[in-house]
Amino acid sequence: MSQRHTVLTQHLQKLAADYVNTQSNKTSLITITNTELAHSLDKITFYVSVFPETAEGPAIGFLMRKRGECKKYLKEKSKMNHIPHVEFMIDEGEKTRRRVDELLSN
């Protein structure tokens, strides 16, 4: 992965996190834990963790409904000409890590 691609991915992740923070109704904590930007720059996937886990369904529903607005926010704040298609997914790796930590602490 090139330096430019890495910097762009990190920048878009920060902007998306800012957007989610301002739009969330604060009934659950939604955190962007990882981001994958396609090498062709046509798709970006933001992986999120949600606390409490019981709120994952509503949180993903909310994020998927807000994809268009998030894309518009990214375009305004990043000054990029082309913003990739935006997707949100639950970060299963983060859930697994938390479960392992929980088991090890017992």
PDB file of N, CA and C in Angstrom:
ATOM      1  N   MET A   1       0.843  -1.171   0.000  1.00  0.00           N
ATOM      2  CA  MET A   1       0.000   0.000   0.000  1.00  0.00           C
ATOM      3  C   MET A   1       0.894   1.242   0.000  1.00  0.00           C
ATOM      4  N   SER A   2       0.581   2.202  -0.839  1.00  0.00           N
ATOM      5  CA  SER A   2       1.406   3.401  -0.932  1.00  0.00           C
ATOM      6  C   SER A   2       1.147   4.344   0.239  1.00  0.00           C
ATOM      7  N   GLN A   3       2.103   5.209   0.469  1.00  0.00           N
ATOM      8  CA  GLN A   3       1.987   6.207   1.536  1.00  0.00           C
ATOM      9  C   GLN A   3       0.758   7.084   1.317  1.00  0.00           C
ATOM     10  N   ARG A   4       0.516   7.485   0.083  1.00  0.00           N
ATOM     11  CA  ARG A   4      -0.628   8.341  -0.245  1.00  0.00           C
ATOM     12  C   ARG A   4      -1.938   7.625   0.077  1.00  0.00           C
ATOM     13  N   HIS A   5      -2.025   6.355  -0.284  1.00  0.00           N
ATOM     14  CA  HIS A   5      -3.229   5.559  -0.036  1.00  0.00           C
ATOM     15  C   HIS A   5      -3.478   5.436   1.471  1.00  0.00           C
ATOM     16  N   THR A   6      -2.425   5.205   2.240  1.00  0.00           N
ATOM     17  CA  THR A   6      -2.538   5.085   3.695  1.00  0.00           C
ATOM     18  C   THR A   6      -3.005   6.392   4.319  1.00  0.00           C
ATOM     19  N   VAL A   7      -2.404   7.494   3.912  1.00  0.00           N
ATOM     20  CA  VAL A   7      -2.770   8.808   4.455  1.00  0.00           C
ATOM     21  C   VAL A   7      -4.216   9.138   4.095  1.00  0.00           C
ATOM     22  N   LEU A   8      -4.617   8.864   2.872  1.00  0.00           N
ATOM     23  CA  LEU A   8      -5.985   9.131   2.435  1.00  0.00           C
ATOM     24  C   LEU A   8      -6.983   8.295   3.238  1.00  0.00           C
ATOM     25  N   THR A   9      -6.664   7.029   3.456  1.00  0.00           N
ATOM     26  CA  THR A   9      -7.530   6.145   4.234  1.00  0.00           C
ATOM     27  C   THR A   9      -7.690   6.669   5.661  1.00  0.00           C
ATOM     28  N   GLN A  10      -6.600   7.051   6.291  1.00  0.00           N
ATOM     29  CA  GLN A  10      -6.651   7.570   7.657  1.00  0.00           C
ATOM     30  C   GLN A  10      -7.443   8.873   7.729  1.00  0.00           C
ATOM     31  N   HIS A  11      -7.252   9.730   6.741  1.00  0.00           N
ATOM     32  CA  HIS A  11      -7.967  11.003   6.703  1.00  0.00           C
ATOM     33  C   HIS A  11      -9.474  10.779   6.581  1.00  0.00           C
ATOM     34  N   LEU A  12      -9.872   9.894   5.674  1.00  0.00           N
ATOM     35  CA  LEU A  12     -11.299   9.614   5.498  1.00  0.00           C
ATOM     36  C   LEU A  12     -11.891   8.932   6.733  1.00  0.00           C
ATOM     37  N   GLN A  13     -11.097   8.098   7.407  1.00  0.00           N
ATOM     38  CA  GLN A  13     -11.576   7.455   8.633  1.00  0.00           C
ATOM     39  C   GLN A  13     -11.848   8.501   9.708  1.00  0.00           C
ATOM     40  N   LYS A  14     -10.955   9.450   9.855  1.00  0.00           N
ATOM     41  CA  LYS A  14     -11.150  10.495  10.863  1.00  0.00           C
ATOM     42  C   LYS A  14     -12.388  11.326  10.549  1.00  0.00           C
ATOM     43  N   LEU A  15     -12.554  11.688   9.285  1.00  0.00           N
ATOM     44  CA  LEU A  15     -13.733  12.465   8.899  1.00  0.00           C
ATOM     45  C   LEU A  15     -15.021  11.688   9.137  1.00  0.00           C
ATOM     46  N   ALA A  16     -15.019  10.406   8.797  1.00  0.00           N
ATOM     47  CA  ALA A  16     -16.207   9.577   9.007  1.00  0.00           C
ATOM     48  C   ALA A  16     -16.507   9.448  10.499  1.00  0.00           C
ATOM     49  N   ALA A  17     -15.475   9.308  11.317  1.00  0.00           N
ATOM     50  CA  ALA A  17     -15.673   9.225  12.766  1.00  0.00           C
ATOM     51  C   ALA A  17     -16.278  10.518  13.300  1.00  0.00           C
ATOM     52  N   ASP A  18     -15.811  11.654  12.802  1.00  0.00           N
ATOM     53  CA  ASP A  18     -16.381  12.944  13.195  1.00  0.00           C
ATOM     54  C   ASP A  18     -17.854  13.021  12.806  1.00  0.00           C
ATOM     55  N   TYR A  19     -18.168  12.561  11.596  1.00  0.00           N
ATOM     56  CA  TYR A  19     -19.542  12.589  11.113  1.00  0.00           C
ATOM     57  C   TYR A  19     -20.438  11.708  11.994  1.00  0.00           C
ATOM     58  N   VAL A  20     -20.005  10.478  12.249  1.00  0.00           N
ATOM     59  CA  VAL A  20     -20.812   9.556  13.067  1.00  0.00           C
ATOM     60  C   VAL A  20     -21.012  10.133  14.460  1.00  0.00           C
ATOM     61  N   ASN A  21     -19.976  10.730  15.013  1.00  0.00           N
ATOM     62  CA  ASN A  21     -20.069  11.323  16.346  1.00  0.00           C
ATOM     63  C   ASN A  21     -21.110  12.440  16.405  1.00  0.00           C
ATOM     64  N   THR A  22     -21.188  13.249  15.372  1.00  0.00           N
ATOM     65  CA  THR A  22     -22.145  14.356  15.387  1.00  0.00           C
ATOM     66  C   THR A  22     -23.566  13.900  15.064  1.00  0.00           C
ATOM     67  N   GLN A  23     -23.726  12.824  14.309  1.00  0.00           N
ATOM     68  CA  GLN A  23     -25.052  12.377  13.888  1.00  0.00           C
ATOM     69  C   GLN A  23     -25.684  11.346  14.820  1.00  0.00           C
ATOM     70  N   SER A  24     -24.886  10.674  15.626  1.00  0.00           N
ATOM     71  CA  SER A  24     -25.389   9.622  16.502  1.00  0.00           C
ATOM     72  C   SER A  24     -26.299  10.203  17.584  1.00  0.00           C
ATOM     73  N   ASN A  25     -27.315   9.419  17.953  1.00  0.00           N
ATOM     74  CA  ASN A  25     -28.231   9.885  18.998  1.00  0.00           C
ATOM     75  C   ASN A  25     -27.718   9.568  20.399  1.00  0.00           C
ATOM     76  N   LYS A  26     -26.536   9.011  20.497  1.00  0.00           N
ATOM     77  CA  LYS A  26     -25.832   8.739  21.751  1.00  0.00           C
ATOM     78  C   LYS A  26     -26.497   7.657  22.612  1.00  0.00           C
ATOM     79  N   THR A  27     -27.448   6.878  22.064  1.00  0.00           N
ATOM     80  CA  THR A  27     -27.997   5.760  22.824  1.00  0.00           C
ATOM     81  C   THR A  27     -27.033   4.578  22.826  1.00  0.00           C
ATOM     82  N   SER A  28     -26.100   4.587  21.886  1.00  0.00           N
ATOM     83  CA  SER A  28     -25.047   3.575  21.849  1.00  0.00           C
ATOM     84  C   SER A  28     -23.755   4.266  21.422  1.00  0.00           C
ATOM     85  N   LEU A  29     -22.663   3.641  21.754  1.00  0.00           N
ATOM     86  CA  LEU A  29     -21.349   4.172  21.380  1.00  0.00           C
ATOM     87  C   LEU A  29     -20.917   3.490  20.087  1.00  0.00           C
ATOM     88  N   ILE A  30     -20.780   4.262  19.030  1.00  0.00           N
ATOM     89  CA  ILE A  30     -20.357   3.744  17.728  1.00  0.00           C
ATOM     90  C   ILE A  30     -18.943   4.253  17.465  1.00  0.00           C
ATOM     91  N   THR A  31     -18.019   3.312  17.268  1.00  0.00           N
ATOM     92  CA  THR A  31     -16.620   3.656  17.050  1.00  0.00           C
ATOM     93  C   THR A  31     -16.139   3.041  15.745  1.00  0.00           C
ATOM     94  N   ILE A  32     -15.516   3.845  14.902  1.00  0.00           N
ATOM     95  CA  ILE A  32     -14.911   3.317  13.678  1.00  0.00           C
ATOM     96  C   ILE A  32     -13.549   2.754  14.073  1.00  0.00           C
ATOM     97  N   THR A  33     -13.410   1.437  13.917  1.00  0.00           N
ATOM     98  CA  THR A  33     -12.203   0.754  14.379  1.00  0.00           C
ATOM     99  C   THR A  33     -11.206   0.482  13.265  1.00  0.00           C
ATOM    100  N   ASN A  34     -11.672   0.422  12.025  1.00  0.00           N
ATOM    101  CA  ASN A  34     -10.790   0.122  10.903  1.00  0.00           C
ATOM    102  C   ASN A  34     -11.439   0.634   9.624  1.00  0.00           C
ATOM    103  N   THR A  35     -10.621   0.819   8.611  1.00  0.00           N
ATOM    104  CA  THR A  35     -11.114   1.301   7.320  1.00  0.00           C
ATOM    105  C   THR A  35     -10.360   0.612   6.203  1.00  0.00           C
ATOM    106  N   GLU A  36     -11.103   0.197   5.183  1.00  0.00           N
ATOM    107  CA  GLU A  36     -10.501  -0.395   3.978  1.00  0.00           C
ATOM    108  C   GLU A  36     -10.903   0.451   2.785  1.00  0.00           C
ATOM    109  N   LEU A  37      -9.911   0.986   2.104  1.00  0.00           N
ATOM    110  CA  LEU A  37     -10.134   1.755   0.886  1.00  0.00           C
ATOM    111  C   LEU A  37      -9.625   0.925  -0.279  1.00  0.00           C
ATOM    112  N   ALA A  38     -10.497   0.661  -1.242  1.00  0.00           N
ATOM    113  CA  ALA A  38     -10.104  -0.124  -2.413  1.00  0.00           C
ATOM    114  C   ALA A  38      -8.974   0.597  -3.145  1.00  0.00           C
ATOM    115  N   HIS A  39      -8.071  -0.179  -3.720  1.00  0.00           N
ATOM    116  CA  HIS A  39      -6.941   0.414  -4.462  1.00  0.00           C
ATOM    117  C   HIS A  39      -7.427   1.272  -5.630  1.00  0.00           C
ATOM    118  N   SER A  40      -8.588   0.921  -6.181  1.00  0.00           N
ATOM    119  CA  SER A  40      -9.154   1.710  -7.282  1.00  0.00           C
ATOM    120  C   SER A  40      -9.844   2.975  -6.778  1.00  0.00           C
ATOM    121  N   LEU A  41      -9.898   3.128  -5.455  1.00  0.00           N
ATOM    122  CA  LEU A  41     -10.519   4.290  -4.797  1.00  0.00           C
ATOM    123  C   LEU A  41     -12.010   4.420  -5.100  1.00  0.00           C
ATOM    124  N   ASP A  42     -12.664   3.319  -5.438  1.00  0.00           N
ATOM    125  CA  ASP A  42     -14.088   3.398  -5.765  1.00  0.00           C
ATOM    126  C   ASP A  42     -14.994   2.912  -4.636  1.00  0.00           C
ATOM    127  N   LYS A  43     -14.415   2.356  -3.565  1.00  0.00           N
ATOM    128  CA  LYS A  43     -15.214   1.873  -2.441  1.00  0.00           C
ATOM    129  C   LYS A  43     -14.414   1.989  -1.157  1.00  0.00           C
ATOM    130  N   ILE A  44     -15.098   2.462  -0.113  1.00  0.00           N
ATOM    131  CA  ILE A  44     -14.473   2.525   1.206  1.00  0.00           C
ATOM    132  C   ILE A  44     -15.421   1.855   2.191  1.00  0.00           C
ATOM    133  N   THR A  45     -14.847   0.983   3.024  1.00  0.00           N
ATOM    134  CA  THR A  45     -15.623   0.284   4.026  1.00  0.00           C
ATOM    135  C   THR A  45     -15.109   0.694   5.399  1.00  0.00           C
ATOM    136  N   PHE A  46     -16.030   1.202   6.220  1.00  0.00           N
ATOM    137  CA  PHE A  46     -15.703   1.582   7.587  1.00  0.00           C
ATOM    138  C   PHE A  46     -16.198   0.464   8.501  1.00  0.00           C
ATOM    139  N   TYR A  47     -15.286  -0.122   9.272  1.00  0.00           N
ATOM    140  CA  TYR A  47     -15.636  -1.165  10.226  1.00  0.00           C
ATOM    141  C   TYR A  47     -15.891  -0.507  11.572  1.00  0.00           C
ATOM    142  N   VAL A  48     -17.011  -0.872  12.186  1.00  0.00           N
ATOM    143  CA  VAL A  48     -17.410  -0.222  13.431  1.00  0.00           C
ATOM    144  C   VAL A  48     -17.613  -1.237  14.548  1.00  0.00           C
ATOM    145  N   SER A  49     -17.423  -0.760  15.766  1.00  0.00           N
ATOM    146  CA  SER A  49     -17.827  -1.524  16.942  1.00  0.00           C
ATOM    147  C   SER A  49     -18.920  -0.701  17.617  1.00  0.00           C
ATOM    148  N   VAL A  50     -19.849  -1.416  18.232  1.00  0.00           N
ATOM    149  CA  VAL A  50     -20.996  -0.769  18.862  1.00  0.00           C
ATOM    150  C   VAL A  50     -21.100  -1.272  20.292  1.00  0.00           C
ATOM    151  N   PHE A  51     -21.282  -0.342  21.213  1.00  0.00           N
ATOM    152  CA  PHE A  51     -21.499  -0.706  22.609  1.00  0.00           C
ATOM    153  C   PHE A  51     -22.784  -0.058  23.073  1.00  0.00           C
ATOM    154  N   PRO A  52     -23.693  -0.797  23.643  1.00  0.00           N
ATOM    155  CA  PRO A  52     -23.670  -2.225  23.898  1.00  0.00           C
ATOM    156  C   PRO A  52     -23.919  -3.024  22.612  1.00  0.00           C
ATOM    157  N   GLU A  53     -23.477  -4.268  22.610  1.00  0.00           N
ATOM    158  CA  GLU A  53     -23.598  -5.116  21.418  1.00  0.00           C
ATOM    159  C   GLU A  53     -25.044  -5.310  20.996  1.00  0.00           C
ATOM    160  N   THR A  54     -25.966  -5.218  21.932  1.00  0.00           N
ATOM    161  CA  THR A  54     -27.390  -5.389  21.600  1.00  0.00           C
ATOM    162  C   THR A  54     -27.896  -4.282  20.683  1.00  0.00           C
ATOM    163  N   ALA A  55     -27.157  -3.195  20.574  1.00  0.00           N
ATOM    164  CA  ALA A  55     -27.556  -2.072  19.728  1.00  0.00           C
ATOM    165  C   ALA A  55     -26.925  -2.133  18.338  1.00  0.00           C
ATOM    166  N   GLU A  56     -26.240  -3.238  18.005  1.00  0.00           N
ATOM    167  CA  GLU A  56     -25.570  -3.330  16.703  1.00  0.00           C
ATOM    168  C   GLU A  56     -26.539  -3.209  15.535  1.00  0.00           C
ATOM    169  N   GLY A  57     -27.656  -3.914  15.595  1.00  0.00           N
ATOM    170  CA  GLY A  57     -28.633  -3.885  14.505  1.00  0.00           C
ATOM    171  C   GLY A  57     -29.129  -2.478  14.208  1.00  0.00           C
ATOM    172  N   PRO A  58     -29.672  -1.789  15.226  1.00  0.00           N
ATOM    173  CA  PRO A  58     -30.116  -0.413  14.981  1.00  0.00           C
ATOM    174  C   PRO A  58     -28.993   0.524  14.545  1.00  0.00           C
ATOM    175  N   ALA A  59     -27.790   0.319  15.091  1.00  0.00           N
ATOM    176  CA  ALA A  59     -26.664   1.195  14.735  1.00  0.00           C
ATOM    177  C   ALA A  59     -26.271   1.016  13.275  1.00  0.00           C
ATOM    178  N   ILE A  60     -26.188  -0.233  12.807  1.00  0.00           N
ATOM    179  CA  ILE A  60     -25.843  -0.478  11.398  1.00  0.00           C
ATOM    180  C   ILE A  60     -26.958   0.041  10.494  1.00  0.00           C
ATOM    181  N   GLY A  61     -28.192  -0.145  10.894  1.00  0.00           N
ATOM    182  CA  GLY A  61     -29.315   0.395  10.125  1.00  0.00           C
ATOM    183  C   GLY A  61     -29.210   1.907   9.987  1.00  0.00           C
ATOM    184  N   PHE A  62     -28.914   2.573  11.089  1.00  0.00           N
ATOM    185  CA  PHE A  62     -28.736   4.020  11.093  1.00  0.00           C
ATOM    186  C   PHE A  62     -27.599   4.435  10.159  1.00  0.00           C
ATOM    187  N   LEU A  63     -26.455   3.746  10.273  1.00  0.00           N
ATOM    188  CA  LEU A  63     -25.296   4.093   9.453  1.00  0.00           C
ATOM    189  C   LEU A  63     -25.563   3.861   7.966  1.00  0.00           C
ATOM    190  N   MET A  64     -26.241   2.788   7.641  1.00  0.00           N
ATOM    191  CA  MET A  64     -26.532   2.500   6.234  1.00  0.00           C
ATOM    192  C   MET A  64     -27.504   3.537   5.661  1.00  0.00           C
ATOM    193  N   ARG A  65     -28.456   3.996   6.475  1.00  0.00           N
ATOM    194  CA  ARG A  65     -29.378   5.046   6.006  1.00  0.00           C
ATOM    195  C   ARG A  65     -28.643   6.361   5.779  1.00  0.00           C
ATOM    196  N   LYS A  66     -27.589   6.598   6.537  1.00  0.00           N
ATOM    197  CA  LYS A  66     -26.848   7.859   6.480  1.00  0.00           C
ATOM    198  C   LYS A  66     -25.660   7.832   5.522  1.00  0.00           C
ATOM    199  N   ARG A  67     -25.499   6.750   4.750  1.00  0.00           N
ATOM    200  CA  ARG A  67     -24.339   6.634   3.843  1.00  0.00           C
ATOM    201  C   ARG A  67     -24.231   7.813   2.888  1.00  0.00           C
ATOM    202  N   GLY A  68     -25.351   8.197   2.285  1.00  0.00           N
ATOM    203  CA  GLY A  68     -25.329   9.306   1.332  1.00  0.00           C
ATOM    204  C   GLY A  68     -24.901  10.610   1.976  1.00  0.00           C
ATOM    205  N   GLU A  69     -25.448  10.879   3.154  1.00  0.00           N
ATOM    206  CA  GLU A  69     -25.077  12.094   3.880  1.00  0.00           C
ATOM    207  C   GLU A  69     -23.611  12.047   4.312  1.00  0.00           C
ATOM    208  N   CYS A  70     -23.148  10.869   4.699  1.00  0.00           N
ATOM    209  CA  CYS A  70     -21.746  10.714   5.089  1.00  0.00           C
ATOM    210  C   CYS A  70     -20.834  10.986   3.892  1.00  0.00           C
ATOM    211  N   LYS A  71     -21.216  10.464   2.740  1.00  0.00           N
ATOM    212  CA  LYS A  71     -20.431  10.684   1.526  1.00  0.00           C
ATOM    213  C   LYS A  71     -20.369  12.184   1.199  1.00  0.00           C
ATOM    214  N   LYS A  72     -21.501  12.860   1.344  1.00  0.00           N
ATOM    215  CA  LYS A  72     -21.547  14.307   1.095  1.00  0.00           C
ATOM    216  C   LYS A  72     -20.638  15.048   2.094  1.00  0.00           C
ATOM    217  N   TYR A  73     -20.670  14.634   3.353  1.00  0.00           N
ATOM    218  CA  TYR A  73     -19.816  15.234   4.386  1.00  0.00           C
ATOM    219  C   TYR A  73     -18.338  15.027   4.047  1.00  0.00           C
ATOM    220  N   LEU A  74     -17.987  13.799   3.631  1.00  0.00           N
ATOM    221  CA  LEU A  74     -16.602  13.512   3.259  1.00  0.00           C
ATOM    222  C   LEU A  74     -16.160  14.398   2.097  1.00  0.00           C
ATOM    223  N   LYS A  75     -17.041  14.597   1.127  1.00  0.00           N
ATOM    224  CA  LYS A  75     -16.703  15.426  -0.033  1.00  0.00           C
ATOM    225  C   LYS A  75     -16.467  16.881   0.387  1.00  0.00           C
ATOM    226  N   GLU A  76     -17.335  17.385   1.267  1.00  0.00           N
ATOM    227  CA  GLU A  76     -17.198  18.774   1.720  1.00  0.00           C
ATOM    228  C   GLU A  76     -15.921  18.987   2.531  1.00  0.00           C
ATOM    229  N   LYS A  77     -15.633  18.057   3.418  1.00  0.00           N
ATOM    230  CA  LYS A  77     -14.508  18.236   4.341  1.00  0.00           C
ATOM    231  C   LYS A  77     -13.165  17.838   3.755  1.00  0.00           C
ATOM    232  N   SER A  78     -13.164  16.935   2.769  1.00  0.00           N
ATOM    233  CA  SER A  78     -11.885  16.462   2.238  1.00  0.00           C
ATOM    234  C   SER A  78     -11.448  17.213   0.990  1.00  0.00           C
ATOM    235  N   LYS A  79     -12.369  17.852   0.322  1.00  0.00           N
ATOM    236  CA  LYS A  79     -12.077  18.574  -0.929  1.00  0.00           C
ATOM    237  C   LYS A  79     -11.638  17.633  -2.045  1.00  0.00           C
ATOM    238  N   MET A  80     -11.992  16.360  -1.928  1.00  0.00           N
ATOM    239  CA  MET A  80     -11.692  15.396  -2.988  1.00  0.00           C
ATOM    240  C   MET A  80     -12.714  15.557  -4.111  1.00  0.00           C
ATOM    241  N   ASN A  81     -12.291  15.313  -5.330  1.00  0.00           N
ATOM    242  CA  ASN A  81     -13.218  15.394  -6.461  1.00  0.00           C
ATOM    243  C   ASN A  81     -14.160  14.202  -6.514  1.00  0.00           C
ATOM    244  N   HIS A  82     -13.621  13.029  -6.232  1.00  0.00           N
ATOM    245  CA  HIS A  82     -14.424  11.808  -6.274  1.00  0.00           C
ATOM    246  C   HIS A  82     -14.356  11.107  -4.925  1.00  0.00           C
ATOM    247  N   ILE A  83     -15.514  10.897  -4.322  1.00  0.00           N
ATOM    248  CA  ILE A  83     -15.587  10.178  -3.055  1.00  0.00           C
ATOM    249  C   ILE A  83     -16.038   8.752  -3.362  1.00  0.00           C
ATOM    250  N   PRO A  84     -15.365   7.765  -2.784  1.00  0.00           N
ATOM    251  CA  PRO A  84     -15.752   6.377  -3.051  1.00  0.00           C
ATOM    252  C   PRO A  84     -17.116   6.033  -2.462  1.00  0.00           C
ATOM    253  N   HIS A  85     -17.693   4.945  -2.947  1.00  0.00           N
ATOM    254  CA  HIS A  85     -18.937   4.420  -2.391  1.00  0.00           C
ATOM    255  C   HIS A  85     -18.670   4.052  -0.930  1.00  0.00           C
ATOM    256  N   VAL A  86     -19.563   4.436  -0.040  1.00  0.00           N
ATOM    257  CA  VAL A  86     -19.373   4.252   1.399  1.00  0.00           C
ATOM    258  C   VAL A  86     -20.178   3.048   1.893  1.00  0.00           C
ATOM    259  N   GLU A  87     -19.521   2.199   2.668  1.00  0.00           N
ATOM    260  CA  GLU A  87     -20.167   1.055   3.329  1.00  0.00           C
ATOM    261  C   GLU A  87     -19.768   1.057   4.802  1.00  0.00           C
ATOM    262  N   PHE A  88     -20.663   0.535   5.642  1.00  0.00           N
ATOM    263  CA  PHE A  88     -20.381   0.333   7.059  1.00  0.00           C
ATOM    264  C   PHE A  88     -20.609  -1.131   7.384  1.00  0.00           C
ATOM    265  N   MET A  89     -19.717  -1.708   8.184  1.00  0.00           N
ATOM    266  CA  MET A  89     -19.845  -3.107   8.603  1.00  0.00           C
ATOM    267  C   MET A  89     -19.411  -3.240  10.054  1.00  0.00           C
ATOM    268  N   ILE A  90     -19.986  -4.222  10.734  1.00  0.00           N
ATOM    269  CA  ILE A  90     -19.547  -4.528  12.093  1.00  0.00           C
ATOM    270  C   ILE A  90     -18.153  -5.145  12.019  1.00  0.00           C
ATOM    271  N   ASP A  91     -17.266  -4.700  12.889  1.00  0.00           N
ATOM    272  CA  ASP A  91     -15.900  -5.223  12.938  1.00  0.00           C
ATOM    273  C   ASP A  91     -15.900  -6.510  13.757  1.00  0.00           C
ATOM    274  N   GLU A  92     -16.001  -7.633  13.073  1.00  0.00           N
ATOM    275  CA  GLU A  92     -16.045  -8.934  13.742  1.00  0.00           C
ATOM    276  C   GLU A  92     -14.719  -9.239  14.437  1.00  0.00           C
ATOM    277  N   GLY A  93     -13.622  -8.777  13.898  1.00  0.00           N
ATOM    278  CA  GLY A  93     -12.312  -8.979  14.527  1.00  0.00           C
ATOM    279  C   GLY A  93     -12.245  -8.308  15.882  1.00  0.00           C
ATOM    280  N   GLU A  94     -12.800  -7.133  15.992  1.00  0.00           N
ATOM    281  CA  GLU A  94     -12.816  -6.412  17.261  1.00  0.00           C
ATOM    282  C   GLU A  94     -13.701  -7.139  18.271  1.00  0.00           C
ATOM    283  N   LYS A  95     -14.829  -7.677  17.819  1.00  0.00           N
ATOM    284  CA  LYS A  95     -15.695  -8.444  18.716  1.00  0.00           C
ATOM    285  C   LYS A  95     -14.962  -9.669  19.243  1.00  0.00           C
ATOM    286  N   THR A  96     -14.229 -10.338  18.375  1.00  0.00           N
ATOM    287  CA  THR A  96     -13.473 -11.523  18.772  1.00  0.00           C
ATOM    288  C   THR A  96     -12.385 -11.151  19.770  1.00  0.00           C
ATOM    289  N   ARG A  97     -11.696 -10.045  19.528  1.00  0.00           N
ATOM    290  CA  ARG A  97     -10.648  -9.591  20.436  1.00  0.00           C
ATOM    291  C   ARG A  97     -11.217  -9.303  21.821  1.00  0.00           C
ATOM    292  N   ARG A  98     -12.381  -8.639  21.869  1.00  0.00           N
ATOM    293  CA  ARG A  98     -13.010  -8.341  23.156  1.00  0.00           C
ATOM    294  C   ARG A  98     -13.400  -9.620  23.890  1.00  0.00           C
ATOM    295  N   ARG A  99     -13.896 -10.594  23.153  1.00  0.00           N
ATOM    296  CA  ARG A  99     -14.299 -11.869  23.753  1.00  0.00           C
ATOM    297  C   ARG A  99     -13.081 -12.604  24.321  1.00  0.00           C
ATOM    298  N   VAL A 100     -11.975 -12.607  23.589  1.00  0.00           N
ATOM    299  CA  VAL A 100     -10.747 -13.235  24.081  1.00  0.00           C
ATOM    300  C   VAL A 100     -10.265 -12.539  25.341  1.00  0.00           C
ATOM    301  N   ASP A 101     -10.280 -11.199  25.348  1.00  0.00           N
ATOM    302  CA  ASP A 101      -9.868 -10.444  26.531  1.00  0.00           C
ATOM    303  C   ASP A 101     -10.743 -10.805  27.727  1.00  0.00           C
ATOM    304  N   GLU A 102     -12.046 -10.925  27.464  1.00  0.00           N
ATOM    305  CA  GLU A 102     -12.989 -11.270  28.523  1.00  0.00           C
ATOM    306  C   GLU A 102     -12.684 -12.660  29.097  1.00  0.00           C
ATOM    307  N   LEU A 103     -12.418 -13.627  28.223  1.00  0.00           N
ATOM    308  CA  LEU A 103     -12.111 -14.983  28.676  1.00  0.00           C
ATOM    309  C   LEU A 103     -10.795 -15.045  29.445  1.00  0.00           C
ATOM    310  N   LEU A 104      -9.810 -14.280  28.989  1.00  0.00           N
ATOM    311  CA  LEU A 104      -8.511 -14.286  29.650  1.00  0.00           C
ATOM    312  C   LEU A 104      -8.540 -13.586  31.005  1.00  0.00           C
ATOM    313  N   SER A 105      -9.437 -12.658  31.192  1.00  0.00           N
ATOM    314  CA  SER A 105      -9.500 -11.932  32.454  1.00  0.00           C
ATOM    315  C   SER A 105     -10.206 -12.725  33.535  1.00  0.00           C
ATOM    316  N   ASN A 106     -10.894 -13.795  33.165  1.00  0.00           N
ATOM    317  CA  ASN A 106     -11.614 -14.621  34.167  1.00  0.00           C
ATOM    318  C   ASN A 106     -10.743 -15.642  34.800  1.00  0.00           C
TER     319      ASN A 106
END
